[in-house]
Amino acid sequence: MRNYIFVLLFITNWSFSQKIELQNGDFIFQSMHCGELCDAINQVTEGYHGIDFNHMGMVVIQNDSILVLEASGKAVKLTPLKTFISYTSLPMYVGRVKKRYQKYIPQAIAFGLQQIGVPYDDDYLYNNGKYYCSELIYDCFLSAYDKPFFQLKPMTFKAPNSKEYFKAWQDYYNNLNMEVPEGKLGCNPGGISTSKKIKIIGVL
């Protein structure tokens, strides 16, 4: 089975396009249009070169088809690349695990495929039997690397330079009858995009 497919990507700040081999295990970072919650996420997380990302998935190539393993909607699933791209009109950045870590990709993908159907983690709590987008990727590489590959950091749901929660998050957790999980460990697409273990290679 092939582990790459040629796709046409535009490299940021370059004056030309070039073909890049989109490979198994590549990450696609994007900023989805999802209203106030996404706006709040963007304000408190920072991605590659300060770019806002609130969603991500991992490339899985099967029978010459490019799919994206993601936690979105109701569950973990494999989504055709064309559908994944349609989530937003904003540029999407492609990240690749650096060469010395690429041996861990097959196991990371195998773990991820075993999670298909696991419910979406709308509580945004790590290790509660459900997955949000970056949490899935975190655990895929935790399984493969046998120790943390990416970092968990304390999450915040407060506006910058404020002691108050974003109203959108306060309302969200009120509807779930939960306390806002301020300070709980978690991860986000922006944080993963800045990891020294990956390289941003282009833009979709």
N, C-alpha and C. Protein backbone atom coordinates (compact mmCIF):
# COMPACT_ATOMS: atom_id res chain seq x y z
N MET A 1 0.84 -1.20 0.00
CA MET A 1 0.00 0.00 0.00
C MET A 1 0.88 1.24 0.00
N ARG A 2 0.55 2.21 -0.82
CA ARG A 2 1.30 3.45 -0.83
C ARG A 2 1.12 4.20 0.49
N ASN A 3 2.16 4.91 0.88
CA ASN A 3 2.01 5.75 2.06
C ASN A 3 2.15 7.22 1.71
N TYR A 4 2.02 7.55 0.41
CA TYR A 4 2.01 8.95 0.02
C TYR A 4 1.24 9.12 -1.27
N ILE A 5 0.79 10.33 -1.50
CA ILE A 5 0.13 10.70 -2.74
C ILE A 5 0.58 12.12 -3.07
N PHE A 6 0.84 12.37 -4.36
CA PHE A 6 1.20 13.72 -4.74
C PHE A 6 -0.02 14.62 -4.72
N VAL A 7 0.10 15.76 -4.07
CA VAL A 7 -0.94 16.77 -4.12
C VAL A 7 -0.28 18.11 -4.37
N LEU A 8 -1.04 19.06 -4.88
CA LEU A 8 -0.50 20.38 -5.17
C LEU A 8 -0.76 21.28 -3.99
N LEU A 9 0.31 21.78 -3.38
CA LEU A 9 0.21 22.67 -2.24
C LEU A 9 0.92 23.98 -2.56
N PHE A 10 0.48 25.05 -1.92
CA PHE A 10 1.15 26.34 -2.07
C PHE A 10 1.93 26.63 -0.81
N ILE A 11 3.22 26.87 -0.95
CA ILE A 11 4.07 27.10 0.21
C ILE A 11 3.99 28.56 0.63
N THR A 12 3.74 28.79 1.91
CA THR A 12 3.54 30.15 2.43
C THR A 12 4.70 31.07 2.06
N ASN A 13 4.32 32.25 1.55
CA ASN A 13 5.27 33.30 1.23
C ASN A 13 6.19 32.94 0.07
N TRP A 14 5.89 31.85 -0.67
CA TRP A 14 6.65 31.55 -1.86
C TRP A 14 5.85 32.03 -3.05
N SER A 15 6.53 32.25 -4.14
CA SER A 15 5.85 32.80 -5.31
C SER A 15 5.47 31.72 -6.31
N PHE A 16 5.55 30.46 -5.93
CA PHE A 16 5.20 29.40 -6.86
C PHE A 16 4.63 28.22 -6.09
N SER A 17 3.99 27.32 -6.83
CA SER A 17 3.47 26.10 -6.23
C SER A 17 4.41 24.94 -6.56
N GLN A 18 4.39 23.93 -5.74
CA GLN A 18 5.19 22.75 -6.03
C GLN A 18 4.45 21.52 -5.52
N LYS A 19 4.81 20.37 -6.12
CA LYS A 19 4.18 19.14 -5.70
C LYS A 19 4.85 18.63 -4.43
N ILE A 20 4.03 18.20 -3.49
CA ILE A 20 4.51 17.65 -2.23
C ILE A 20 3.87 16.28 -2.05
N GLU A 21 4.63 15.34 -1.53
CA GLU A 21 4.10 14.02 -1.27
C GLU A 21 3.35 14.04 0.07
N LEU A 22 2.03 14.05 -0.01
CA LEU A 22 1.23 14.00 1.21
C LEU A 22 1.31 12.57 1.73
N GLN A 23 1.79 12.41 2.96
CA GLN A 23 2.12 11.09 3.49
C GLN A 23 1.21 10.67 4.64
N ASN A 24 1.18 9.36 4.85
CA ASN A 24 0.56 8.84 6.06
C ASN A 24 1.15 9.54 7.28
N GLY A 25 0.29 9.96 8.17
CA GLY A 25 0.75 10.59 9.40
C GLY A 25 0.91 12.09 9.34
N ASP A 26 0.76 12.69 8.15
CA ASP A 26 0.81 14.15 8.08
C ASP A 26 -0.39 14.73 8.83
N PHE A 27 -0.20 15.90 9.41
CA PHE A 27 -1.28 16.59 10.12
C PHE A 27 -1.81 17.73 9.26
N ILE A 28 -3.11 17.94 9.31
CA ILE A 28 -3.72 19.09 8.65
C ILE A 28 -4.36 19.95 9.74
N PHE A 29 -3.88 21.18 9.84
CA PHE A 29 -4.37 22.12 10.84
C PHE A 29 -5.29 23.13 10.15
N GLN A 30 -6.42 23.42 10.77
CA GLN A 30 -7.36 24.35 10.16
C GLN A 30 -8.08 25.16 11.23
N SER A 31 -8.69 26.24 10.78
CA SER A 31 -9.55 27.04 11.64
C SER A 31 -10.96 26.95 11.07
N MET A 32 -11.80 26.20 11.77
CA MET A 32 -13.16 25.98 11.32
C MET A 32 -14.04 27.18 11.69
N HIS A 33 -15.13 27.32 10.97
CA HIS A 33 -16.13 28.34 11.29
C HIS A 33 -17.16 27.71 12.23
N CYS A 34 -17.04 27.96 13.51
CA CYS A 34 -18.00 27.33 14.44
C CYS A 34 -18.46 28.33 15.50
N GLY A 35 -18.44 29.62 15.15
CA GLY A 35 -19.05 30.60 16.01
C GLY A 35 -18.21 31.01 17.20
N GLU A 36 -18.89 31.37 18.29
CA GLU A 36 -18.24 31.99 19.45
C GLU A 36 -17.24 31.05 20.13
N LEU A 37 -17.52 29.75 20.16
CA LEU A 37 -16.59 28.84 20.81
C LEU A 37 -15.26 28.80 20.08
N CYS A 38 -15.32 28.73 18.76
CA CYS A 38 -14.08 28.74 17.99
C CYS A 38 -13.34 30.06 18.15
N ASP A 39 -14.08 31.15 18.19
CA ASP A 39 -13.45 32.45 18.41
C ASP A 39 -12.73 32.49 19.76
N ALA A 40 -13.36 31.90 20.77
CA ALA A 40 -12.75 31.86 22.10
C ALA A 40 -11.50 30.99 22.10
N ILE A 41 -11.56 29.85 21.43
CA ILE A 41 -10.38 28.98 21.34
C ILE A 41 -9.23 29.73 20.68
N ASN A 42 -9.54 30.42 19.61
CA ASN A 42 -8.49 31.14 18.87
C ASN A 42 -7.82 32.22 19.72
N GLN A 43 -8.57 32.81 20.63
CA GLN A 43 -8.01 33.89 21.44
C GLN A 43 -7.05 33.41 22.51
N VAL A 44 -7.17 32.15 22.93
CA VAL A 44 -6.33 31.68 24.04
C VAL A 44 -5.33 30.61 23.61
N THR A 45 -5.28 30.27 22.34
CA THR A 45 -4.28 29.32 21.85
C THR A 45 -3.54 29.97 20.69
N GLU A 46 -2.30 29.58 20.53
CA GLU A 46 -1.49 30.15 19.45
C GLU A 46 -0.81 29.04 18.69
N GLY A 47 -0.93 29.09 17.36
CA GLY A 47 -0.33 28.08 16.53
C GLY A 47 0.92 28.55 15.84
N TYR A 48 1.34 27.78 14.88
CA TYR A 48 2.53 28.05 14.07
C TYR A 48 2.50 29.48 13.54
N HIS A 49 3.56 30.23 13.83
CA HIS A 49 3.70 31.63 13.40
C HIS A 49 2.51 32.49 13.84
N GLY A 50 1.90 32.12 14.97
CA GLY A 50 0.81 32.91 15.51
C GLY A 50 -0.52 32.71 14.82
N ILE A 51 -0.60 31.72 13.95
CA ILE A 51 -1.83 31.47 13.19
C ILE A 51 -2.83 30.71 14.08
N ASP A 52 -4.11 31.03 13.95
CA ASP A 52 -5.14 30.38 14.75
C ASP A 52 -5.55 29.05 14.13
N PHE A 53 -5.55 27.99 14.95
CA PHE A 53 -6.07 26.69 14.55
C PHE A 53 -7.01 26.20 15.63
N ASN A 54 -8.17 25.68 15.25
CA ASN A 54 -9.09 25.11 16.23
C ASN A 54 -9.52 23.69 15.88
N HIS A 55 -8.92 23.13 14.83
CA HIS A 55 -9.22 21.74 14.47
C HIS A 55 -8.02 21.15 13.75
N MET A 56 -7.90 19.82 13.84
CA MET A 56 -6.83 19.12 13.14
C MET A 56 -7.22 17.68 12.91
N GLY A 57 -6.54 17.06 11.96
CA GLY A 57 -6.71 15.65 11.69
C GLY A 57 -5.40 15.08 11.17
N MET A 58 -5.36 13.75 11.01
CA MET A 58 -4.14 13.07 10.55
C MET A 58 -4.43 12.31 9.26
N VAL A 59 -3.54 12.46 8.30
CA VAL A 59 -3.72 11.82 7.00
C VAL A 59 -3.54 10.31 7.10
N VAL A 60 -4.48 9.59 6.49
CA VAL A 60 -4.40 8.13 6.36
C VAL A 60 -4.71 7.81 4.91
N ILE A 61 -3.79 7.14 4.24
CA ILE A 61 -3.97 6.81 2.82
C ILE A 61 -4.33 5.34 2.69
N GLN A 62 -5.47 5.09 2.09
CA GLN A 62 -5.97 3.72 1.90
C GLN A 62 -6.41 3.54 0.46
N ASN A 63 -5.79 2.56 -0.22
CA ASN A 63 -6.17 2.25 -1.60
C ASN A 63 -6.15 3.50 -2.49
N ASP A 64 -5.09 4.27 -2.37
CA ASP A 64 -4.88 5.49 -3.17
C ASP A 64 -5.87 6.60 -2.86
N SER A 65 -6.63 6.46 -1.77
CA SER A 65 -7.55 7.52 -1.35
C SER A 65 -6.97 8.24 -0.14
N ILE A 66 -7.04 9.57 -0.17
CA ILE A 66 -6.55 10.35 0.96
C ILE A 66 -7.70 10.58 1.92
N LEU A 67 -7.55 10.08 3.13
CA LEU A 67 -8.54 10.23 4.18
C LEU A 67 -7.92 10.99 5.34
N VAL A 68 -8.76 11.51 6.20
CA VAL A 68 -8.28 12.23 7.37
C VAL A 68 -8.92 11.61 8.61
N LEU A 69 -8.08 11.12 9.51
CA LEU A 69 -8.55 10.60 10.79
C LEU A 69 -8.80 11.79 11.69
N GLU A 70 -10.02 11.93 12.18
CA GLU A 70 -10.36 13.09 13.00
C GLU A 70 -11.40 12.72 14.05
N ALA A 71 -11.40 13.50 15.13
CA ALA A 71 -12.47 13.46 16.11
C ALA A 71 -13.31 14.70 15.87
N SER A 72 -14.49 14.50 15.34
CA SER A 72 -15.34 15.63 14.96
C SER A 72 -16.78 15.16 14.90
N GLY A 73 -17.71 16.09 15.11
CA GLY A 73 -19.12 15.70 15.07
C GLY A 73 -19.47 14.86 16.28
N LYS A 74 -19.86 13.62 16.03
CA LYS A 74 -20.29 12.74 17.12
C LYS A 74 -19.25 11.72 17.54
N ALA A 75 -18.19 11.52 16.71
CA ALA A 75 -17.27 10.43 17.02
C ALA A 75 -15.97 10.56 16.23
N VAL A 76 -15.03 9.70 16.56
CA VAL A 76 -13.82 9.55 15.77
C VAL A 76 -14.19 8.88 14.45
N LYS A 77 -13.62 9.38 13.35
CA LYS A 77 -14.01 8.88 12.04
C LYS A 77 -12.91 9.13 11.02
N LEU A 78 -13.03 8.46 9.87
CA LEU A 78 -12.20 8.72 8.71
C LEU A 78 -13.02 9.55 7.73
N THR A 79 -12.48 10.68 7.32
CA THR A 79 -13.19 11.61 6.46
C THR A 79 -12.41 11.80 5.16
N PRO A 80 -13.06 11.75 4.00
CA PRO A 80 -12.35 12.06 2.75
C PRO A 80 -11.72 13.44 2.81
N LEU A 81 -10.53 13.56 2.24
CA LEU A 81 -9.82 14.84 2.27
C LEU A 81 -10.68 15.97 1.72
N LYS A 82 -11.40 15.71 0.63
CA LYS A 82 -12.24 16.74 0.02
C LYS A 82 -13.27 17.27 1.01
N THR A 83 -13.84 16.38 1.81
CA THR A 83 -14.83 16.79 2.81
C THR A 83 -14.16 17.58 3.92
N PHE A 84 -13.00 17.11 4.37
CA PHE A 84 -12.28 17.79 5.45
C PHE A 84 -11.93 19.22 5.04
N ILE A 85 -11.49 19.38 3.80
CA ILE A 85 -11.12 20.71 3.30
C ILE A 85 -12.34 21.64 3.27
N SER A 86 -13.51 21.07 3.05
CA SER A 86 -14.72 21.89 2.91
C SER A 86 -15.18 22.52 4.22
N TYR A 87 -14.57 22.13 5.35
CA TYR A 87 -14.99 22.67 6.63
C TYR A 87 -14.74 24.17 6.76
N THR A 88 -13.80 24.68 5.99
CA THR A 88 -13.43 26.09 6.13
C THR A 88 -12.95 26.64 4.80
N SER A 89 -13.07 27.94 4.65
CA SER A 89 -12.54 28.61 3.46
C SER A 89 -11.14 29.18 3.72
N LEU A 90 -10.66 29.04 4.94
CA LEU A 90 -9.34 29.57 5.31
C LEU A 90 -8.25 28.57 4.93
N PRO A 91 -7.02 29.05 4.73
CA PRO A 91 -5.91 28.14 4.40
C PRO A 91 -5.71 27.10 5.50
N MET A 92 -5.32 25.90 5.09
CA MET A 92 -5.02 24.81 6.02
C MET A 92 -3.55 24.46 5.91
N TYR A 93 -2.90 24.31 7.03
CA TYR A 93 -1.46 24.06 7.05
C TYR A 93 -1.18 22.59 7.28
N VAL A 94 -0.18 22.08 6.57
CA VAL A 94 0.21 20.68 6.66
C VAL A 94 1.48 20.56 7.47
N GLY A 95 1.44 19.71 8.49
CA GLY A 95 2.62 19.45 9.32
C GLY A 95 3.07 18.01 9.15
N ARG A 96 4.35 17.80 9.28
CA ARG A 96 4.90 16.45 9.14
C ARG A 96 5.85 16.15 10.28
N VAL A 97 5.72 14.96 10.85
CA VAL A 97 6.64 14.51 11.89
C VAL A 97 8.05 14.45 11.32
N LYS A 98 9.02 14.97 12.07
CA LYS A 98 10.39 14.98 11.59
C LYS A 98 10.91 13.56 11.38
N LYS A 99 11.88 13.45 10.49
CA LYS A 99 12.33 12.15 9.98
C LYS A 99 12.66 11.15 11.07
N ARG A 100 13.31 11.59 12.13
CA ARG A 100 13.75 10.64 13.16
C ARG A 100 12.59 10.06 13.96
N TYR A 101 11.39 10.68 13.81
CA TYR A 101 10.23 10.17 14.53
C TYR A 101 9.24 9.44 13.62
N GLN A 102 9.51 9.37 12.33
CA GLN A 102 8.53 8.82 11.41
C GLN A 102 8.30 7.32 11.58
N LYS A 103 9.22 6.64 12.24
CA LYS A 103 9.03 5.21 12.48
C LYS A 103 7.85 4.94 13.42
N TYR A 104 7.39 5.97 14.12
CA TYR A 104 6.27 5.79 15.04
C TYR A 104 4.91 5.98 14.36
N ILE A 105 4.91 6.44 13.13
CA ILE A 105 3.64 6.75 12.45
C ILE A 105 2.75 5.53 12.26
N PRO A 106 3.27 4.38 11.78
CA PRO A 106 2.36 3.23 11.58
C PRO A 106 1.60 2.83 12.84
N GLN A 107 2.29 2.80 13.99
CA GLN A 107 1.61 2.44 15.23
C GLN A 107 0.61 3.52 15.65
N ALA A 108 0.99 4.79 15.42
CA ALA A 108 0.07 5.88 15.75
C ALA A 108 -1.21 5.77 14.93
N ILE A 109 -1.09 5.46 13.65
CA ILE A 109 -2.27 5.30 12.80
C ILE A 109 -3.07 4.08 13.22
N ALA A 110 -2.37 2.97 13.51
CA ALA A 110 -3.08 1.75 13.93
C ALA A 110 -3.91 2.01 15.18
N PHE A 111 -3.33 2.74 16.14
CA PHE A 111 -4.08 3.08 17.34
C PHE A 111 -5.28 3.95 16.99
N GLY A 112 -5.05 4.94 16.14
CA GLY A 112 -6.14 5.84 15.77
C GLY A 112 -7.29 5.12 15.09
N LEU A 113 -6.98 4.19 14.21
CA LEU A 113 -8.04 3.45 13.52
C LEU A 113 -8.85 2.60 14.49
N GLN A 114 -8.21 2.15 15.55
CA GLN A 114 -8.93 1.38 16.57
C GLN A 114 -9.91 2.25 17.35
N GLN A 115 -9.75 3.57 17.27
CA GLN A 115 -10.62 4.48 18.02
C GLN A 115 -11.85 4.92 17.22
N ILE A 116 -11.94 4.49 15.97
CA ILE A 116 -13.09 4.90 15.15
C ILE A 116 -14.39 4.49 15.84
N GLY A 117 -15.28 5.43 15.97
CA GLY A 117 -16.55 5.19 16.66
C GLY A 117 -16.55 5.64 18.10
N VAL A 118 -15.37 5.92 18.67
CA VAL A 118 -15.32 6.44 20.05
C VAL A 118 -16.00 7.81 20.06
N PRO A 119 -16.86 8.08 21.03
CA PRO A 119 -17.61 9.35 21.02
C PRO A 119 -16.73 10.58 21.06
N TYR A 120 -17.24 11.66 20.48
CA TYR A 120 -16.56 12.94 20.53
C TYR A 120 -16.57 13.47 21.96
N ASP A 121 -15.46 14.02 22.39
CA ASP A 121 -15.33 14.51 23.77
C ASP A 121 -15.82 15.95 23.87
N ASP A 122 -17.13 16.10 24.02
CA ASP A 122 -17.68 17.45 24.14
C ASP A 122 -17.50 18.03 25.54
N ASP A 123 -16.91 17.25 26.46
CA ASP A 123 -16.54 17.79 27.77
C ASP A 123 -15.17 18.45 27.74
N TYR A 124 -14.37 18.13 26.75
CA TYR A 124 -12.99 18.61 26.61
C TYR A 124 -12.16 18.31 27.86
N LEU A 125 -12.24 17.06 28.28
CA LEU A 125 -11.48 16.58 29.43
C LEU A 125 -10.60 15.42 28.97
N TYR A 126 -9.32 15.49 29.30
CA TYR A 126 -8.41 14.43 28.87
C TYR A 126 -8.68 13.13 29.63
N ASN A 127 -8.58 12.02 28.91
CA ASN A 127 -8.63 10.67 29.49
C ASN A 127 -9.97 10.36 30.14
N ASN A 128 -11.05 10.70 29.44
CA ASN A 128 -12.38 10.38 29.95
C ASN A 128 -13.14 9.42 29.04
N GLY A 129 -12.40 8.70 28.21
CA GLY A 129 -13.02 7.70 27.34
C GLY A 129 -13.61 8.26 26.07
N LYS A 130 -13.39 9.54 25.81
CA LYS A 130 -13.86 10.20 24.60
C LYS A 130 -12.71 11.02 24.02
N TYR A 131 -12.90 11.50 22.79
CA TYR A 131 -11.81 12.25 22.15
C TYR A 131 -12.29 13.53 21.49
N TYR A 132 -11.56 14.63 21.74
CA TYR A 132 -11.66 15.80 20.87
C TYR A 132 -10.47 15.73 19.92
N CYS A 133 -10.38 16.65 18.96
CA CYS A 133 -9.48 16.45 17.82
C CYS A 133 -8.01 16.27 18.21
N SER A 134 -7.45 17.21 18.94
CA SER A 134 -6.03 17.11 19.26
C SER A 134 -5.76 16.06 20.33
N GLU A 135 -6.74 15.78 21.15
CA GLU A 135 -6.60 14.72 22.16
C GLU A 135 -6.40 13.37 21.48
N LEU A 136 -7.13 13.14 20.39
CA LEU A 136 -6.97 11.90 19.62
C LEU A 136 -5.54 11.78 19.10
N ILE A 137 -5.02 12.84 18.50
CA ILE A 137 -3.67 12.81 17.96
C ILE A 137 -2.64 12.63 19.08
N TYR A 138 -2.88 13.30 20.20
CA TYR A 138 -1.99 13.15 21.36
C TYR A 138 -1.88 11.69 21.76
N ASP A 139 -3.02 11.01 21.89
CA ASP A 139 -3.01 9.62 22.33
C ASP A 139 -2.48 8.67 21.26
N CYS A 140 -2.69 8.99 19.98
CA CYS A 140 -2.12 8.16 18.91
C CYS A 140 -0.61 8.07 19.06
N PHE A 141 0.02 9.21 19.29
CA PHE A 141 1.48 9.22 19.38
C PHE A 141 1.98 8.83 20.77
N LEU A 142 1.17 9.01 21.79
CA LEU A 142 1.50 8.48 23.11
C LEU A 142 1.59 6.97 23.04
N SER A 143 0.65 6.35 22.35
CA SER A 143 0.63 4.90 22.20
C SER A 143 1.86 4.41 21.44
N ALA A 144 2.21 5.12 20.37
CA ALA A 144 3.32 4.69 19.52
C ALA A 144 4.68 4.93 20.17
N TYR A 145 4.81 6.06 20.84
CA TYR A 145 6.08 6.51 21.41
C TYR A 145 6.33 5.94 22.79
N ASP A 146 5.27 5.45 23.41
CA ASP A 146 5.30 4.83 24.73
C ASP A 146 5.64 5.81 25.85
N LYS A 147 5.54 7.09 25.55
CA LYS A 147 5.66 8.17 26.52
C LYS A 147 5.14 9.41 25.81
N PRO A 148 4.89 10.49 26.54
CA PRO A 148 4.31 11.67 25.87
C PRO A 148 5.18 12.16 24.70
N PHE A 149 4.56 12.26 23.55
CA PHE A 149 5.21 12.76 22.33
C PHE A 149 4.95 14.25 22.19
N PHE A 150 3.71 14.64 22.43
CA PHE A 150 3.33 16.05 22.50
C PHE A 150 3.09 16.41 23.96
N GLN A 151 2.86 17.69 24.23
CA GLN A 151 2.71 18.16 25.60
C GLN A 151 1.26 18.43 25.97
N LEU A 152 0.91 18.07 27.20
CA LEU A 152 -0.33 18.53 27.79
C LEU A 152 -0.02 19.77 28.62
N LYS A 153 -0.90 20.75 28.54
CA LYS A 153 -0.72 21.99 29.30
C LYS A 153 -2.04 22.39 29.95
N PRO A 154 -1.98 23.18 31.02
CA PRO A 154 -3.23 23.63 31.66
C PRO A 154 -4.08 24.43 30.67
N MET A 155 -5.35 24.09 30.61
CA MET A 155 -6.27 24.78 29.70
C MET A 155 -6.87 26.00 30.39
N THR A 156 -7.18 27.01 29.59
CA THR A 156 -7.89 28.15 30.13
C THR A 156 -9.10 28.47 29.26
N PHE A 157 -10.14 28.89 29.92
CA PHE A 157 -11.38 29.26 29.24
C PHE A 157 -11.73 30.71 29.54
N LYS A 158 -10.71 31.46 29.99
CA LYS A 158 -10.89 32.86 30.33
C LYS A 158 -10.32 33.75 29.22
N ALA A 159 -10.94 34.89 29.05
CA ALA A 159 -10.44 35.84 28.07
C ALA A 159 -9.06 36.33 28.50
N PRO A 160 -8.19 36.64 27.54
CA PRO A 160 -6.86 37.14 27.89
C PRO A 160 -6.93 38.36 28.81
N ASN A 161 -6.07 38.35 29.82
CA ASN A 161 -5.99 39.46 30.79
C ASN A 161 -7.30 39.68 31.53
N SER A 162 -8.05 38.61 31.72
CA SER A 162 -9.33 38.70 32.42
C SER A 162 -9.46 37.55 33.42
N LYS A 163 -10.21 37.80 34.48
CA LYS A 163 -10.51 36.75 35.44
C LYS A 163 -11.83 36.08 35.14
N GLU A 164 -12.49 36.54 34.10
CA GLU A 164 -13.81 36.04 33.75
C GLU A 164 -13.73 35.03 32.61
N TYR A 165 -14.58 34.02 32.68
CA TYR A 165 -14.67 33.06 31.58
C TYR A 165 -15.33 33.72 30.36
N PHE A 166 -14.96 33.27 29.19
CA PHE A 166 -15.72 33.66 28.02
C PHE A 166 -17.18 33.27 28.25
N LYS A 167 -18.10 34.13 27.94
CA LYS A 167 -19.52 33.83 28.13
C LYS A 167 -19.91 32.58 27.36
N ALA A 168 -19.37 32.41 26.17
CA ALA A 168 -19.71 31.24 25.36
C ALA A 168 -19.34 29.95 26.07
N TRP A 169 -18.17 29.94 26.74
CA TRP A 169 -17.77 28.74 27.47
C TRP A 169 -18.58 28.55 28.75
N GLN A 170 -18.87 29.64 29.45
CA GLN A 170 -19.67 29.53 30.66
C GLN A 170 -21.05 28.96 30.33
N ASP A 171 -21.65 29.46 29.28
CA ASP A 171 -22.96 28.96 28.86
C ASP A 171 -22.87 27.51 28.41
N TYR A 172 -21.79 27.19 27.71
CA TYR A 172 -21.60 25.83 27.20
C TYR A 172 -21.57 24.82 28.35
N TYR A 173 -20.75 25.09 29.37
CA TYR A 173 -20.64 24.15 30.47
C TYR A 173 -21.85 24.19 31.40
N ASN A 174 -22.51 25.32 31.47
CA ASN A 174 -23.77 25.35 32.21
C ASN A 174 -24.78 24.39 31.58
N ASN A 175 -24.82 24.37 30.27
CA ASN A 175 -25.73 23.46 29.57
C ASN A 175 -25.38 21.99 29.80
N LEU A 176 -24.09 21.72 30.07
CA LEU A 176 -23.66 20.36 30.36
C LEU A 176 -23.75 20.02 31.85
N ASN A 177 -24.17 21.01 32.64
CA ASN A 177 -24.21 20.85 34.11
C ASN A 177 -22.83 20.49 34.66
N MET A 178 -21.82 21.16 34.14
CA MET A 178 -20.44 20.93 34.55
C MET A 178 -19.79 22.24 34.96
N GLU A 179 -18.80 22.12 35.83
CA GLU A 179 -17.95 23.27 36.10
C GLU A 179 -16.99 23.45 34.93
N VAL A 180 -16.64 24.67 34.65
CA VAL A 180 -15.64 24.92 33.61
C VAL A 180 -14.32 24.30 34.05
N PRO A 181 -13.70 23.45 33.23
CA PRO A 181 -12.48 22.73 33.65
C PRO A 181 -11.22 23.58 33.55
N GLU A 182 -11.28 24.76 34.11
CA GLU A 182 -10.14 25.69 34.09
C GLU A 182 -8.93 25.05 34.75
N GLY A 183 -7.78 25.10 34.09
CA GLY A 183 -6.55 24.59 34.65
C GLY A 183 -6.31 23.11 34.46
N LYS A 184 -7.32 22.38 33.97
CA LYS A 184 -7.13 20.95 33.70
C LYS A 184 -6.16 20.78 32.53
N LEU A 185 -5.40 19.70 32.56
CA LEU A 185 -4.45 19.45 31.49
C LEU A 185 -5.17 19.06 30.20
N GLY A 186 -4.68 19.58 29.10
CA GLY A 186 -5.26 19.26 27.81
C GLY A 186 -4.31 19.67 26.70
N CYS A 187 -4.78 19.61 25.48
CA CYS A 187 -3.95 19.99 24.34
C CYS A 187 -4.85 20.68 23.32
N ASN A 188 -4.23 21.27 22.32
CA ASN A 188 -5.00 21.96 21.29
C ASN A 188 -4.21 21.93 19.99
N PRO A 189 -4.89 22.12 18.85
CA PRO A 189 -4.20 22.05 17.56
C PRO A 189 -3.06 23.06 17.44
N GLY A 190 -3.28 24.28 17.96
CA GLY A 190 -2.23 25.28 17.88
C GLY A 190 -0.96 24.83 18.57
N GLY A 191 -1.10 24.27 19.76
CA GLY A 191 0.06 23.80 20.50
C GLY A 191 0.81 22.70 19.76
N ILE A 192 0.07 21.76 19.19
CA ILE A 192 0.72 20.69 18.44
C ILE A 192 1.43 21.24 17.21
N SER A 193 0.85 22.26 16.58
CA SER A 193 1.47 22.82 15.38
C SER A 193 2.81 23.47 15.67
N THR A 194 3.08 23.83 16.92
CA THR A 194 4.35 24.46 17.29
C THR A 194 5.35 23.47 17.86
N SER A 195 5.00 22.19 17.92
CA SER A 195 5.91 21.20 18.47
C SER A 195 7.21 21.14 17.67
N LYS A 196 8.32 20.98 18.37
CA LYS A 196 9.62 20.86 17.72
C LYS A 196 9.79 19.50 17.06
N LYS A 197 8.85 18.59 17.27
CA LYS A 197 8.94 17.27 16.65
C LYS A 197 8.30 17.23 15.27
N ILE A 198 7.65 18.33 14.86
CA ILE A 198 7.06 18.37 13.53
C ILE A 198 7.55 19.60 12.77
N LYS A 199 7.32 19.56 11.46
CA LYS A 199 7.67 20.69 10.59
C LYS A 199 6.47 21.03 9.73
N ILE A 200 6.13 22.30 9.65
CA ILE A 200 5.07 22.75 8.76
C ILE A 200 5.65 22.80 7.35
N ILE A 201 5.05 22.06 6.42
CA ILE A 201 5.65 21.91 5.09
C ILE A 201 4.87 22.61 3.98
N GLY A 202 3.66 23.08 4.24
CA GLY A 202 2.92 23.75 3.18
C GLY A 202 1.51 24.10 3.59
N VAL A 203 0.77 24.62 2.64
CA VAL A 203 -0.58 25.09 2.87
C VAL A 203 -1.51 24.51 1.81
N LEU A 204 -2.65 23.99 2.25
CA LEU A 204 -3.65 23.52 1.29
C LEU A 204 -4.44 24.69 0.76
